[in-house]
Amino acid sequence: MPSGRAPSGGAVTDASSSPPAIQAEGLRKVYRTGFWMRPHVGLDRLDLQVERGEIFGFIGPNGAGKTTTIKILMGLHRATKGVATLFGIDHRDPASRAQVGFLPERPYFYQHLTARELLRFYGQLMELPGDMITRRTEALLERVDLVRFADVPLRSYSKGMLQRVGLCQTLLHEPQLIVLDEPMSGLDPLGRALVRDLILEERDRGCTVFFSSHILHDVETLSDRVALLVRGQMRGVGTLDALLGGRTQYIEVQVSSVPEALARVVEEAPSETPAVLRLDPARADAVLEQAVALGVRIRSVAPVRQTLETLLLDEVDRARPVDEKRLGVLA
């Protein structure tokens, strides 16, 4: 949600001569929980830099620290250690959030207000000019397809409709940085498509978008760069090409049959015909040579590249303590 007095427009300064939209160094958050107030590390020395004008995806399993990071940046939580800035201004200074639009995962709105009334209320809180409030309210309601429901109390709205109202308040003051915590949560396919289009349109306007999501396909589709957080620690950050690179997860081979001699050298021998083998890239050449020697007809060979989902699962597995791995507990 917006905080502080907003500028009257959304002009963006040249990123090459300006501080990053978001910069965090050594962010650490320790919670005290339970009767004995034992420490729990929510964030562990997080370094993060989000450049102006990019779409930045923030992913990780539940409890990884994504929402904690966002709440610290938005001034809702205090970091135990570390520093963070928004457009070069200390994040603890309300002025740093004047050009920020924020939508939490579970926004709460006054249920007795209509969408128009709510947006006017937020516009007045931000001291926007009256004509700008009217112009932006009507344009945004049209943009998210809520004009025909604009005068209906919010108590009658579905979760997806409330999410769209939340996007309107996030964009009302034409912010230069948009921070979205799980913006696709609870949306149907049409709602997700609308949010994706909005994010891309805002990037085209020159806005920076920082969003967390569990819907990894949307992250892959939208993001210029991605950061992966596991157990409060940064496990990777970069473009999709840099994170996934040319990594081949496995070699998929379709064969006419799997004779017993070949079945002994593959990890899993499928029973269907034609069969599809998933081979370790390091052993694929040797297995294929043996298949040819056995007279097996090879129908196709294709590398299957790593995805954000497989990268995330691999990093979660690496971060699990040894005792959890032995018990098969998912972090």
C-alpha atoms as a PDB file:
ATOM      1  CA  MET A   1       0.000   0.000   0.000  1.00  0.00           C
ATOM      2  CA  PRO A   2       1.238   3.555  -0.597  1.00  0.00           C
ATOM      3  CA  SER A   3       3.019   5.346   2.208  1.00  0.00           C
ATOM      4  CA  GLY A   4       3.956   8.966   2.503  1.00  0.00           C
ATOM      5  CA  ARG A   5       3.105  11.803   0.156  1.00  0.00           C
ATOM      6  CA  ALA A   6       3.150  10.732  -3.487  1.00  0.00           C
ATOM      7  CA  PRO A   7       4.598  12.614  -6.429  1.00  0.00           C
ATOM      8  CA  SER A   8       2.149  13.895  -9.006  1.00  0.00           C
ATOM      9  CA  GLY A   9       3.623  11.826 -11.826  1.00  0.00           C
ATOM     10  CA  GLY A  10       5.578   8.703 -12.640  1.00  0.00           C
ATOM     11  CA  ALA A  11       8.654  10.026 -14.446  1.00  0.00           C
ATOM     12  CA  VAL A  12      11.653   7.792 -13.977  1.00  0.00           C
ATOM     13  CA  THR A  13      15.195   9.058 -13.747  1.00  0.00           C
ATOM     14  CA  ASP A  14      17.922   7.543 -15.892  1.00  0.00           C
ATOM     15  CA  ALA A  15      18.883   4.323 -14.088  1.00  0.00           C
ATOM     16  CA  SER A  16      22.538   4.591 -15.093  1.00  0.00           C
ATOM     17  CA  SER A  17      23.059   7.738 -12.980  1.00  0.00           C
ATOM     18  CA  SER A  18      20.721   6.894 -10.084  1.00  0.00           C
ATOM     19  CA  PRO A  19      20.784   4.582  -7.073  1.00  0.00           C
ATOM     20  CA  PRO A  20      19.062   1.195  -7.447  1.00  0.00           C
ATOM     21  CA  ALA A  21      15.340   0.973  -6.782  1.00  0.00           C
ATOM     22  CA  ILE A  22      16.084  -1.457  -3.933  1.00  0.00           C
ATOM     23  CA  GLN A  23      19.378  -2.165  -2.229  1.00  0.00           C
ATOM     24  CA  ALA A  24      19.862  -4.291   0.876  1.00  0.00           C
ATOM     25  CA  GLU A  25      23.116  -5.267   2.546  1.00  0.00           C
ATOM     26  CA  GLY A  26      23.472  -7.836   5.300  1.00  0.00           C
ATOM     27  CA  LEU A  27      19.776  -7.882   6.239  1.00  0.00           C
ATOM     28  CA  ARG A  28      19.185 -10.146   9.207  1.00  0.00           C
ATOM     29  CA  LYS A  29      15.965 -10.786  11.098  1.00  0.00           C
ATOM     30  CA  VAL A  30      15.839 -12.865  14.264  1.00  0.00           C
ATOM     31  CA  TYR A  31      12.520 -13.718  15.893  1.00  0.00           C
ATOM     32  CA  ARG A  32      12.097 -14.863  19.479  1.00  0.00           C
ATOM     33  CA  THR A  33       9.506 -17.615  19.740  1.00  0.00           C
ATOM     34  CA  GLY A  34       8.057 -20.018  22.289  1.00  0.00           C
ATOM     35  CA  PHE A  35       8.009 -19.960  26.071  1.00  0.00           C
ATOM     36  CA  TRP A  36      11.794 -19.788  26.282  1.00  0.00           C
ATOM     37  CA  MET A  37      11.956 -17.109  23.557  1.00  0.00           C
ATOM     38  CA  ARG A  38      14.444 -19.120  21.548  1.00  0.00           C
ATOM     39  CA  PRO A  39      15.870 -17.275  18.532  1.00  0.00           C
ATOM     40  CA  HIS A  40      14.673 -18.171  15.056  1.00  0.00           C
ATOM     41  CA  VAL A  41      16.547 -16.706  12.102  1.00  0.00           C
ATOM     42  CA  GLY A  42      14.072 -15.439   9.517  1.00  0.00           C
ATOM     43  CA  LEU A  43      16.677 -13.719   7.331  1.00  0.00           C
ATOM     44  CA  ASP A  44      20.390 -14.405   7.341  1.00  0.00           C
ATOM     45  CA  ARG A  45      22.690 -11.700   5.914  1.00  0.00           C
ATOM     46  CA  LEU A  46      20.603 -10.996   2.825  1.00  0.00           C
ATOM     47  CA  ASP A  47      22.198  -8.918   0.067  1.00  0.00           C
ATOM     48  CA  LEU A  48      19.863  -7.729  -2.675  1.00  0.00           C
ATOM     49  CA  GLN A  49      19.953  -5.165  -5.466  1.00  0.00           C
ATOM     50  CA  VAL A  50      17.049  -4.402  -7.786  1.00  0.00           C
ATOM     51  CA  GLU A  51      17.820  -2.051 -10.655  1.00  0.00           C
ATOM     52  CA  ARG A  52      15.425   0.594 -11.886  1.00  0.00           C
ATOM     53  CA  GLY A  53      13.137  -0.438 -14.692  1.00  0.00           C
ATOM     54  CA  GLU A  54      13.387  -4.213 -14.258  1.00  0.00           C
ATOM     55  CA  ILE A  55      10.907  -6.887 -13.271  1.00  0.00           C
ATOM     56  CA  PHE A  56      12.451  -8.812 -10.394  1.00  0.00           C
ATOM     57  CA  GLY A  57      10.979 -12.140  -9.262  1.00  0.00           C
ATOM     58  CA  PHE A  58      11.506 -13.265  -5.661  1.00  0.00           C
ATOM     59  CA  ILE A  59      10.943 -16.984  -5.077  1.00  0.00           C
ATOM     60  CA  GLY A  60      11.372 -19.556  -2.344  1.00  0.00           C
ATOM     61  CA  PRO A  61       9.385 -22.125  -0.352  1.00  0.00           C
ATOM     62  CA  ASN A  62       6.999 -21.177   2.447  1.00  0.00           C
ATOM     63  CA  GLY A  63       8.917 -19.773   5.396  1.00  0.00           C
ATOM     64  CA  ALA A  64      11.959 -18.854   3.307  1.00  0.00           C
ATOM     65  CA  GLY A  65      11.806 -15.185   4.336  1.00  0.00           C
ATOM     66  CA  LYS A  66      10.233 -13.558   1.271  1.00  0.00           C
ATOM     67  CA  THR A  67       7.425 -11.777   3.108  1.00  0.00           C
ATOM     68  CA  THR A  68       9.791 -10.883   5.951  1.00  0.00           C
ATOM     69  CA  THR A  69      12.098  -9.201   3.430  1.00  0.00           C
ATOM     70  CA  ILE A  70       9.214  -7.293   1.869  1.00  0.00           C
ATOM     71  CA  LYS A  71       7.878  -6.165   5.255  1.00  0.00           C
ATOM     72  CA  ILE A  72      11.304  -4.883   6.249  1.00  0.00           C
ATOM     73  CA  LEU A  73      11.634  -2.944   2.997  1.00  0.00           C
ATOM     74  CA  MET A  74       8.143  -1.488   3.478  1.00  0.00           C
ATOM     75  CA  GLY A  75       8.869  -0.405   7.047  1.00  0.00           C
ATOM     76  CA  LEU A  76       6.480  -2.921   8.619  1.00  0.00           C
ATOM     77  CA  HIS A  77       9.224  -4.960  10.333  1.00  0.00           C
ATOM     78  CA  ARG A  78      12.537  -3.861  11.768  1.00  0.00           C
ATOM     79  CA  ALA A  79      15.656  -5.692  10.686  1.00  0.00           C
ATOM     80  CA  THR A  80      17.824  -7.045  13.487  1.00  0.00           C
ATOM     81  CA  LYS A  81      20.895  -6.030  11.484  1.00  0.00           C
ATOM     82  CA  GLY A  82      21.707  -4.667   8.064  1.00  0.00           C
ATOM     83  CA  VAL A  83      20.752  -1.687   5.940  1.00  0.00           C
ATOM     84  CA  ALA A  84      18.354  -1.154   3.050  1.00  0.00           C
ATOM     85  CA  THR A  85      17.502   1.744   0.770  1.00  0.00           C
ATOM     86  CA  LEU A  86      14.735   2.563  -1.696  1.00  0.00           C
ATOM     87  CA  PHE A  87      15.952   4.897  -4.442  1.00  0.00           C
ATOM     88  CA  GLY A  88      18.973   5.643  -2.253  1.00  0.00           C
ATOM     89  CA  ILE A  89      16.867   6.671   0.775  1.00  0.00           C
ATOM     90  CA  ASP A  90      16.997   4.716   4.039  1.00  0.00           C
ATOM     91  CA  HIS A  91      13.991   2.399   4.057  1.00  0.00           C
ATOM     92  CA  ARG A  92      13.115   3.506   7.590  1.00  0.00           C
ATOM     93  CA  ASP A  93      12.469   7.027   6.313  1.00  0.00           C
ATOM     94  CA  PRO A  94       8.829   7.371   5.162  1.00  0.00           C
ATOM     95  CA  ALA A  95      10.060   9.553   2.289  1.00  0.00           C
ATOM     96  CA  SER A  96      11.621   6.424   0.756  1.00  0.00           C
ATOM     97  CA  ARG A  97       8.138   5.012   0.145  1.00  0.00           C
ATOM     98  CA  ALA A  98       6.568   8.083  -1.468  1.00  0.00           C
ATOM     99  CA  GLN A  99       7.236   6.602  -4.920  1.00  0.00           C
ATOM    100  CA  VAL A 100       6.352   3.026  -3.921  1.00  0.00           C
ATOM    101  CA  GLY A 101       3.118   1.119  -4.481  1.00  0.00           C
ATOM    102  CA  PHE A 102       2.719  -1.957  -2.246  1.00  0.00           C
ATOM    103  CA  LEU A 103       0.199  -4.788  -2.357  1.00  0.00           C
ATOM    104  CA  PRO A 104       0.502  -7.346   0.484  1.00  0.00           C
ATOM    105  CA  GLU A 105      -0.572 -10.946   0.033  1.00  0.00           C
ATOM    106  CA  ARG A 106      -3.687 -10.453   2.184  1.00  0.00           C
ATOM    107  CA  PRO A 107      -4.797  -6.845   1.821  1.00  0.00           C
ATOM    108  CA  TYR A 108      -7.579  -5.581   4.050  1.00  0.00           C
ATOM    109  CA  PHE A 109      -9.996  -2.915   2.850  1.00  0.00           C
ATOM    110  CA  TYR A 110     -12.932  -1.195   4.547  1.00  0.00           C
ATOM    111  CA  GLN A 111     -15.782  -3.477   3.526  1.00  0.00           C
ATOM    112  CA  HIS A 112     -18.483  -0.793   3.680  1.00  0.00           C
ATOM    113  CA  LEU A 113     -16.757   1.356   1.058  1.00  0.00           C
ATOM    114  CA  THR A 114     -17.158   0.988  -2.683  1.00  0.00           C
ATOM    115  CA  ALA A 115     -14.133   0.697  -4.966  1.00  0.00           C
ATOM    116  CA  ARG A 116     -14.475   4.344  -6.032  1.00  0.00           C
ATOM    117  CA  GLU A 117     -14.762   5.502  -2.426  1.00  0.00           C
ATOM    118  CA  LEU A 118     -11.767   3.434  -1.365  1.00  0.00           C
ATOM    119  CA  LEU A 119      -9.537   4.788  -4.120  1.00  0.00           C
ATOM    120  CA  ARG A 120     -10.587   8.366  -3.366  1.00  0.00           C
ATOM    121  CA  PHE A 121      -9.794   7.731   0.310  1.00  0.00           C
ATOM    122  CA  TYR A 122      -6.296   6.486  -0.537  1.00  0.00           C
ATOM    123  CA  GLY A 123      -5.736   9.347  -2.965  1.00  0.00           C
ATOM    124  CA  GLN A 124      -6.612  11.873  -0.285  1.00  0.00           C
ATOM    125  CA  LEU A 125      -4.301  10.154   2.211  1.00  0.00           C
ATOM    126  CA  MET A 126      -1.494  10.626  -0.317  1.00  0.00           C
ATOM    127  CA  GLU A 127      -2.514  14.249  -0.867  1.00  0.00           C
ATOM    128  CA  LEU A 128      -2.998  13.747  -4.579  1.00  0.00           C
ATOM    129  CA  PRO A 129      -4.786  16.516  -6.490  1.00  0.00           C
ATOM    130  CA  GLY A 130      -8.532  15.902  -6.780  1.00  0.00           C
ATOM    131  CA  ASP A 131      -8.523  15.822 -10.558  1.00  0.00           C
ATOM    132  CA  MET A 132      -5.695  13.274 -10.557  1.00  0.00           C
ATOM    133  CA  ILE A 133      -7.609  11.060  -8.122  1.00  0.00           C
ATOM    134  CA  THR A 134     -10.672  11.107 -10.372  1.00  0.00           C
ATOM    135  CA  ARG A 135      -8.687  10.539 -13.552  1.00  0.00           C
ATOM    136  CA  ARG A 136      -6.569   7.707 -12.144  1.00  0.00           C
ATOM    137  CA  THR A 137      -9.519   6.032 -10.392  1.00  0.00           C
ATOM    138  CA  GLU A 138     -11.578   5.810 -13.551  1.00  0.00           C
ATOM    139  CA  ALA A 139      -8.636   4.722 -15.700  1.00  0.00           C
ATOM    140  CA  LEU A 140      -7.588   1.983 -13.272  1.00  0.00           C
ATOM    141  CA  LEU A 141     -11.098   0.640 -12.724  1.00  0.00           C
ATOM    142  CA  GLU A 142     -11.416   0.372 -16.483  1.00  0.00           C
ATOM    143  CA  ARG A 143      -8.009  -1.283 -16.700  1.00  0.00           C
ATOM    144  CA  VAL A 144      -8.944  -4.057 -14.252  1.00  0.00           C
ATOM    145  CA  ASP A 145     -12.510  -4.446 -15.588  1.00  0.00           C
ATOM    146  CA  LEU A 146     -14.280  -3.267 -12.423  1.00  0.00           C
ATOM    147  CA  VAL A 147     -16.177  -0.224 -13.725  1.00  0.00           C
ATOM    148  CA  ARG A 148     -19.569  -1.936 -13.518  1.00  0.00           C
ATOM    149  CA  PHE A 149     -18.891  -2.900  -9.896  1.00  0.00           C
ATOM    150  CA  ALA A 150     -17.265   0.401  -8.891  1.00  0.00           C
ATOM    151  CA  ASP A 151     -20.221   1.525  -6.737  1.00  0.00           C
ATOM    152  CA  VAL A 152     -20.847  -1.831  -5.052  1.00  0.00           C
ATOM    153  CA  PRO A 153     -19.624  -2.209  -1.414  1.00  0.00           C
ATOM    154  CA  LEU A 154     -16.444  -4.264  -1.178  1.00  0.00           C
ATOM    155  CA  ARG A 155     -18.131  -6.750   1.146  1.00  0.00           C
ATOM    156  CA  SER A 156     -19.795  -8.147  -1.985  1.00  0.00           C
ATOM    157  CA  TYR A 157     -16.522  -8.668  -3.854  1.00  0.00           C
ATOM    158  CA  SER A 158     -14.853 -12.024  -4.480  1.00  0.00           C
ATOM    159  CA  LYS A 159     -11.209 -12.527  -3.528  1.00  0.00           C
ATOM    160  CA  GLY A 160     -10.133 -12.020  -7.118  1.00  0.00           C
ATOM    161  CA  MET A 161     -12.084  -8.754  -7.359  1.00  0.00           C
ATOM    162  CA  LEU A 162     -10.526  -7.508  -4.114  1.00  0.00           C
ATOM    163  CA  GLN A 163      -7.114  -8.346  -5.513  1.00  0.00           C
ATOM    164  CA  ARG A 164      -7.890  -6.172  -8.535  1.00  0.00           C
ATOM    165  CA  VAL A 165      -8.985  -3.314  -6.268  1.00  0.00           C
ATOM    166  CA  GLY A 166      -5.688  -3.772  -4.447  1.00  0.00           C
ATOM    167  CA  LEU A 167      -3.808  -3.385  -7.716  1.00  0.00           C
ATOM    168  CA  CYS A 168      -5.710  -0.149  -8.367  1.00  0.00           C
ATOM    169  CA  GLN A 169      -4.661   1.346  -5.032  1.00  0.00           C
ATOM    170  CA  THR A 170      -1.101   0.179  -5.641  1.00  0.00           C
ATOM    171  CA  LEU A 171      -0.943   2.027  -8.964  1.00  0.00           C
ATOM    172  CA  LEU A 172      -3.073   5.048  -8.039  1.00  0.00           C
ATOM    173  CA  HIS A 173      -0.203   7.516  -7.548  1.00  0.00           C
ATOM    174  CA  GLU A 174       1.818   6.279 -10.548  1.00  0.00           C
ATOM    175  CA  PRO A 175       4.640   4.864  -8.424  1.00  0.00           C
ATOM    176  CA  GLN A 176       8.162   4.280  -9.693  1.00  0.00           C
ATOM    177  CA  LEU A 177       8.491   1.036  -7.707  1.00  0.00           C
ATOM    178  CA  ILE A 178       5.760  -1.584  -7.336  1.00  0.00           C
ATOM    179  CA  VAL A 179       6.147  -4.246  -4.637  1.00  0.00           C
ATOM    180  CA  LEU A 180       3.734  -7.181  -4.870  1.00  0.00           C
ATOM    181  CA  ASP A 181       3.599 -10.061  -2.384  1.00  0.00           C
ATOM    182  CA  GLU A 182       1.997 -13.073  -4.118  1.00  0.00           C
ATOM    183  CA  PRO A 183      -0.092 -10.966  -6.539  1.00  0.00           C
ATOM    184  CA  MET A 184      -1.461 -14.072  -8.324  1.00  0.00           C
ATOM    185  CA  SER A 185      -2.802 -15.600  -5.103  1.00  0.00           C
ATOM    186  CA  GLY A 186      -6.427 -16.684  -5.428  1.00  0.00           C
ATOM    187  CA  LEU A 187      -6.799 -15.528  -9.027  1.00  0.00           C
ATOM    188  CA  ASP A 188      -8.369 -17.520 -11.822  1.00  0.00           C
ATOM    189  CA  PRO A 189      -6.552 -17.794 -15.186  1.00  0.00           C
ATOM    190  CA  LEU A 190      -8.175 -14.591 -16.484  1.00  0.00           C
ATOM    191  CA  GLY A 191      -7.150 -12.726 -13.333  1.00  0.00           C
ATOM    192  CA  ARG A 192      -3.592 -14.001 -13.605  1.00  0.00           C
ATOM    193  CA  ALA A 193      -3.410 -12.895 -17.232  1.00  0.00           C
ATOM    194  CA  LEU A 194      -4.635  -9.439 -16.226  1.00  0.00           C
ATOM    195  CA  VAL A 195      -1.965  -9.127 -13.521  1.00  0.00           C
ATOM    196  CA  ARG A 196       0.742 -10.306 -15.921  1.00  0.00           C
ATOM    197  CA  ASP A 197      -0.339  -7.704 -18.467  1.00  0.00           C
ATOM    198  CA  LEU A 198      -0.344  -4.975 -15.811  1.00  0.00           C
ATOM    199  CA  ILE A 199       3.156  -5.885 -14.678  1.00  0.00           C
ATOM    200  CA  LEU A 200       4.488  -5.785 -18.237  1.00  0.00           C
ATOM    201  CA  GLU A 201       2.719  -2.491 -18.952  1.00  0.00           C
ATOM    202  CA  GLU A 202       4.215  -0.918 -15.831  1.00  0.00           C
ATOM    203  CA  ARG A 203       7.687  -2.089 -16.815  1.00  0.00           C
ATOM    204  CA  ASP A 204       7.149  -0.545 -20.253  1.00  0.00           C
ATOM    205  CA  ARG A 205       6.227   2.704 -18.473  1.00  0.00           C
ATOM    206  CA  GLY A 206       9.660   2.634 -16.852  1.00  0.00           C
ATOM    207  CA  CYS A 207       8.482   1.340 -13.494  1.00  0.00           C
ATOM    208  CA  THR A 208      10.389  -1.199 -11.399  1.00  0.00           C
ATOM    209  CA  VAL A 209       8.393  -4.261 -10.309  1.00  0.00           C
ATOM    210  CA  PHE A 210       9.506  -6.464  -7.408  1.00  0.00           C
ATOM    211  CA  PHE A 211       7.196  -9.419  -6.779  1.00  0.00           C
ATOM    212  CA  SER A 212       7.133 -12.709  -4.936  1.00  0.00           C
ATOM    213  CA  SER A 213       5.209 -15.688  -6.242  1.00  0.00           C
ATOM    214  CA  HIS A 214       4.802 -19.437  -5.900  1.00  0.00           C
ATOM    215  CA  ILE A 215       3.572 -19.632  -9.494  1.00  0.00           C
ATOM    216  CA  LEU A 216       6.955 -20.250 -11.065  1.00  0.00           C
ATOM    217  CA  HIS A 217       5.697 -20.259 -14.643  1.00  0.00           C
ATOM    218  CA  ASP A 218       4.648 -16.623 -14.199  1.00  0.00           C
ATOM    219  CA  VAL A 219       8.021 -15.795 -12.665  1.00  0.00           C
ATOM    220  CA  GLU A 220       9.814 -17.362 -15.633  1.00  0.00           C
ATOM    221  CA  THR A 221       7.548 -15.547 -18.090  1.00  0.00           C
ATOM    222  CA  LEU A 222       7.765 -12.085 -16.537  1.00  0.00           C
ATOM    223  CA  SER A 223      11.080 -11.644 -14.781  1.00  0.00           C
ATOM    224  CA  ASP A 224      14.199  -9.938 -16.062  1.00  0.00           C
ATOM    225  CA  ARG A 225      16.028 -11.326 -13.027  1.00  0.00           C
ATOM    226  CA  VAL A 226      15.133 -13.732 -10.233  1.00  0.00           C
ATOM    227  CA  ALA A 227      16.353 -14.248  -6.668  1.00  0.00           C
ATOM    228  CA  LEU A 228      16.000 -17.587  -4.883  1.00  0.00           C
ATOM    229  CA  LEU A 229      15.647 -17.558  -1.101  1.00  0.00           C
ATOM    230  CA  VAL A 230      15.818 -20.709   1.048  1.00  0.00           C
ATOM    231  CA  ARG A 231      15.824 -20.755   4.868  1.00  0.00           C
ATOM    232  CA  GLY A 232      16.483 -17.029   4.976  1.00  0.00           C
ATOM    233  CA  GLN A 233      19.569 -17.231   2.775  1.00  0.00           C
ATOM    234  CA  MET A 234      20.050 -16.121  -0.811  1.00  0.00           C
ATOM    235  CA  ARG A 235      20.774 -19.230  -2.886  1.00  0.00           C
ATOM    236  CA  GLY A 236      21.011 -17.598  -6.282  1.00  0.00           C
ATOM    237  CA  VAL A 237      20.262 -14.390  -8.146  1.00  0.00           C
ATOM    238  CA  GLY A 238      20.482 -13.442 -11.807  1.00  0.00           C
ATOM    239  CA  THR A 239      18.798 -13.738 -15.167  1.00  0.00           C
ATOM    240  CA  LEU A 240      17.073 -16.998 -15.990  1.00  0.00           C
ATOM    241  CA  ASP A 241      19.870 -17.827 -18.414  1.00  0.00           C
ATOM    242  CA  ALA A 242      22.441 -17.255 -15.682  1.00  0.00           C
ATOM    243  CA  LEU A 243      20.530 -19.283 -13.081  1.00  0.00           C
ATOM    244  CA  LEU A 244      19.484 -22.137 -15.326  1.00  0.00           C
ATOM    245  CA  GLY A 245      22.120 -21.728 -18.019  1.00  0.00           C
ATOM    246  CA  GLY A 246      22.514 -24.713 -20.256  1.00  0.00           C
ATOM    247  CA  ARG A 247      21.979 -27.102 -17.368  1.00  0.00           C
ATOM    248  CA  THR A 248      20.413 -30.304 -18.602  1.00  0.00           C
ATOM    249  CA  GLN A 249      18.280 -31.979 -15.972  1.00  0.00           C
ATOM    250  CA  TYR A 250      18.183 -35.305 -17.818  1.00  0.00           C
ATOM    251  CA  ILE A 251      18.250 -36.805 -21.306  1.00  0.00           C
ATOM    252  CA  GLU A 252      14.903 -38.113 -22.466  1.00  0.00           C
ATOM    253  CA  VAL A 253      15.242 -41.060 -24.836  1.00  0.00           C
ATOM    254  CA  GLN A 254      12.336 -42.795 -26.525  1.00  0.00           C
ATOM    255  CA  VAL A 255      13.145 -46.375 -27.488  1.00  0.00           C
ATOM    256  CA  SER A 256      11.171 -49.208 -29.080  1.00  0.00           C
ATOM    257  CA  SER A 257      11.807 -51.579 -26.167  1.00  0.00           C
ATOM    258  CA  VAL A 258      14.003 -52.119 -23.108  1.00  0.00           C
ATOM    259  CA  PRO A 259      15.680 -55.535 -23.150  1.00  0.00           C
ATOM    260  CA  GLU A 260      16.835 -57.005 -19.856  1.00  0.00           C
ATOM    261  CA  ALA A 261      20.501 -56.179 -20.516  1.00  0.00           C
ATOM    262  CA  LEU A 262      19.617 -52.511 -20.992  1.00  0.00           C
ATOM    263  CA  ALA A 263      17.244 -52.441 -18.031  1.00  0.00           C
ATOM    264  CA  ARG A 264      20.144 -53.365 -15.746  1.00  0.00           C
ATOM    265  CA  VAL A 265      22.033 -50.134 -16.593  1.00  0.00           C
ATOM    266  CA  VAL A 266      19.180 -47.617 -16.392  1.00  0.00           C
ATOM    267  CA  GLU A 267      17.815 -46.398 -13.093  1.00  0.00           C
ATOM    268  CA  GLU A 268      14.171 -46.984 -13.975  1.00  0.00           C
ATOM    269  CA  ALA A 269      13.129 -49.293 -16.763  1.00  0.00           C
ATOM    270  CA  PRO A 270       9.610 -48.376 -17.959  1.00  0.00           C
ATOM    271  CA  SER A 271       7.256 -51.201 -18.860  1.00  0.00           C
ATOM    272  CA  GLU A 272       5.283 -49.398 -21.577  1.00  0.00           C
ATOM    273  CA  THR A 273       6.121 -49.644 -25.284  1.00  0.00           C
ATOM    274  CA  PRO A 274       7.513 -47.484 -26.795  1.00  0.00           C
ATOM    275  CA  ALA A 275       9.462 -46.683 -23.654  1.00  0.00           C
ATOM    276  CA  VAL A 276      10.777 -43.321 -22.460  1.00  0.00           C
ATOM    277  CA  LEU A 277      14.039 -43.384 -20.550  1.00  0.00           C
ATOM    278  CA  ARG A 278      15.291 -40.526 -18.395  1.00  0.00           C
ATOM    279  CA  LEU A 279      19.070 -40.721 -18.370  1.00  0.00           C
ATOM    280  CA  ASP A 280      21.658 -38.961 -16.261  1.00  0.00           C
ATOM    281  CA  PRO A 281      23.524 -36.645 -18.709  1.00  0.00           C
ATOM    282  CA  ALA A 282      26.855 -37.996 -17.450  1.00  0.00           C
ATOM    283  CA  ARG A 283      25.885 -41.581 -18.386  1.00  0.00           C
ATOM    284  CA  ALA A 284      23.707 -40.951 -21.410  1.00  0.00           C
ATOM    285  CA  ASP A 285      26.357 -41.618 -24.085  1.00  0.00           C
ATOM    286  CA  ALA A 286      27.345 -44.968 -22.565  1.00  0.00           C
ATOM    287  CA  VAL A 287      23.722 -46.092 -22.224  1.00  0.00           C
ATOM    288  CA  LEU A 288      22.921 -45.059 -25.800  1.00  0.00           C
ATOM    289  CA  GLU A 289      25.948 -46.969 -27.112  1.00  0.00           C
ATOM    290  CA  GLN A 290      24.813 -50.082 -25.275  1.00  0.00           C
ATOM    291  CA  ALA A 291      21.254 -49.669 -26.589  1.00  0.00           C
ATOM    292  CA  VAL A 292      22.553 -49.493 -30.171  1.00  0.00           C
ATOM    293  CA  ALA A 293      24.760 -52.544 -29.598  1.00  0.00           C
ATOM    294  CA  LEU A 294      21.714 -54.456 -28.351  1.00  0.00           C
ATOM    295  CA  GLY A 295      19.788 -53.566 -31.481  1.00  0.00           C
ATOM    296  CA  VAL A 296      17.316 -51.288 -29.706  1.00  0.00           C
ATOM    297  CA  ARG A 297      15.590 -48.845 -32.026  1.00  0.00           C
ATOM    298  CA  ILE A 298      16.065 -45.290 -30.735  1.00  0.00           C
ATOM    299  CA  ARG A 299      13.146 -43.091 -31.750  1.00  0.00           C
ATOM    300  CA  SER A 300      14.265 -39.767 -30.255  1.00  0.00           C
ATOM    301  CA  VAL A 301      16.851 -38.173 -27.948  1.00  0.00           C
ATOM    302  CA  ALA A 302      16.175 -34.805 -26.325  1.00  0.00           C
ATOM    303  CA  PRO A 303      17.793 -32.916 -23.450  1.00  0.00           C
ATOM    304  CA  VAL A 304      15.340 -31.656 -20.827  1.00  0.00           C
ATOM    305  CA  ARG A 305      16.528 -28.367 -19.417  1.00  0.00           C
ATOM    306  CA  GLN A 306      16.321 -27.344 -15.810  1.00  0.00           C
ATOM    307  CA  THR A 307      13.388 -25.138 -14.811  1.00  0.00           C
ATOM    308  CA  LEU A 308      12.908 -22.779 -11.891  1.00  0.00           C
ATOM    309  CA  GLU A 309      10.880 -25.501 -10.196  1.00  0.00           C
ATOM    310  CA  THR A 310      13.648 -28.081 -10.387  1.00  0.00           C
ATOM    311  CA  LEU A 311      16.236 -25.460  -9.363  1.00  0.00           C
ATOM    312  CA  LEU A 312      14.127 -24.514  -6.347  1.00  0.00           C
ATOM    313  CA  LEU A 313      13.641 -28.145  -5.315  1.00  0.00           C
ATOM    314  CA  ASP A 314      17.363 -28.832  -5.677  1.00  0.00           C
ATOM    315  CA  GLU A 315      18.271 -25.823  -3.519  1.00  0.00           C
ATOM    316  CA  VAL A 316      15.713 -26.733  -0.871  1.00  0.00           C
ATOM    317  CA  ASP A 317      17.166 -30.243  -0.731  1.00  0.00           C
ATOM    318  CA  ARG A 318      20.728 -28.902  -0.420  1.00  0.00           C
ATOM    319  CA  ALA A 319      19.689 -26.595   2.409  1.00  0.00           C
ATOM    320  CA  ARG A 320      18.028 -29.313   4.478  1.00  0.00           C
ATOM    321  CA  PRO A 321      19.891 -30.446   7.580  1.00  0.00           C
ATOM    322  CA  VAL A 322      21.256 -33.983   7.421  1.00  0.00           C
ATOM    323  CA  ASP A 323      18.757 -35.307   9.975  1.00  0.00           C
ATOM    324  CA  GLU A 324      15.817 -33.960   7.954  1.00  0.00           C
ATOM    325  CA  LYS A 325      17.144 -35.548   4.769  1.00  0.00           C
ATOM    326  CA  ARG A 326      17.412 -38.877   6.539  1.00  0.00           C
ATOM    327  CA  LEU A 327      13.799 -38.607   7.721  1.00  0.00           C
ATOM    328  CA  GLY A 328      12.578 -37.335   4.364  1.00  0.00           C
ATOM    329  CA  VAL A 329      11.203 -34.088   5.805  1.00  0.00           C
ATOM    330  CA  LEU A 330      10.607 -31.291   3.301  1.00  0.00           C
ATOM    331  CA  ALA A 331      12.076 -27.996   4.454  1.00  0.00           C
END
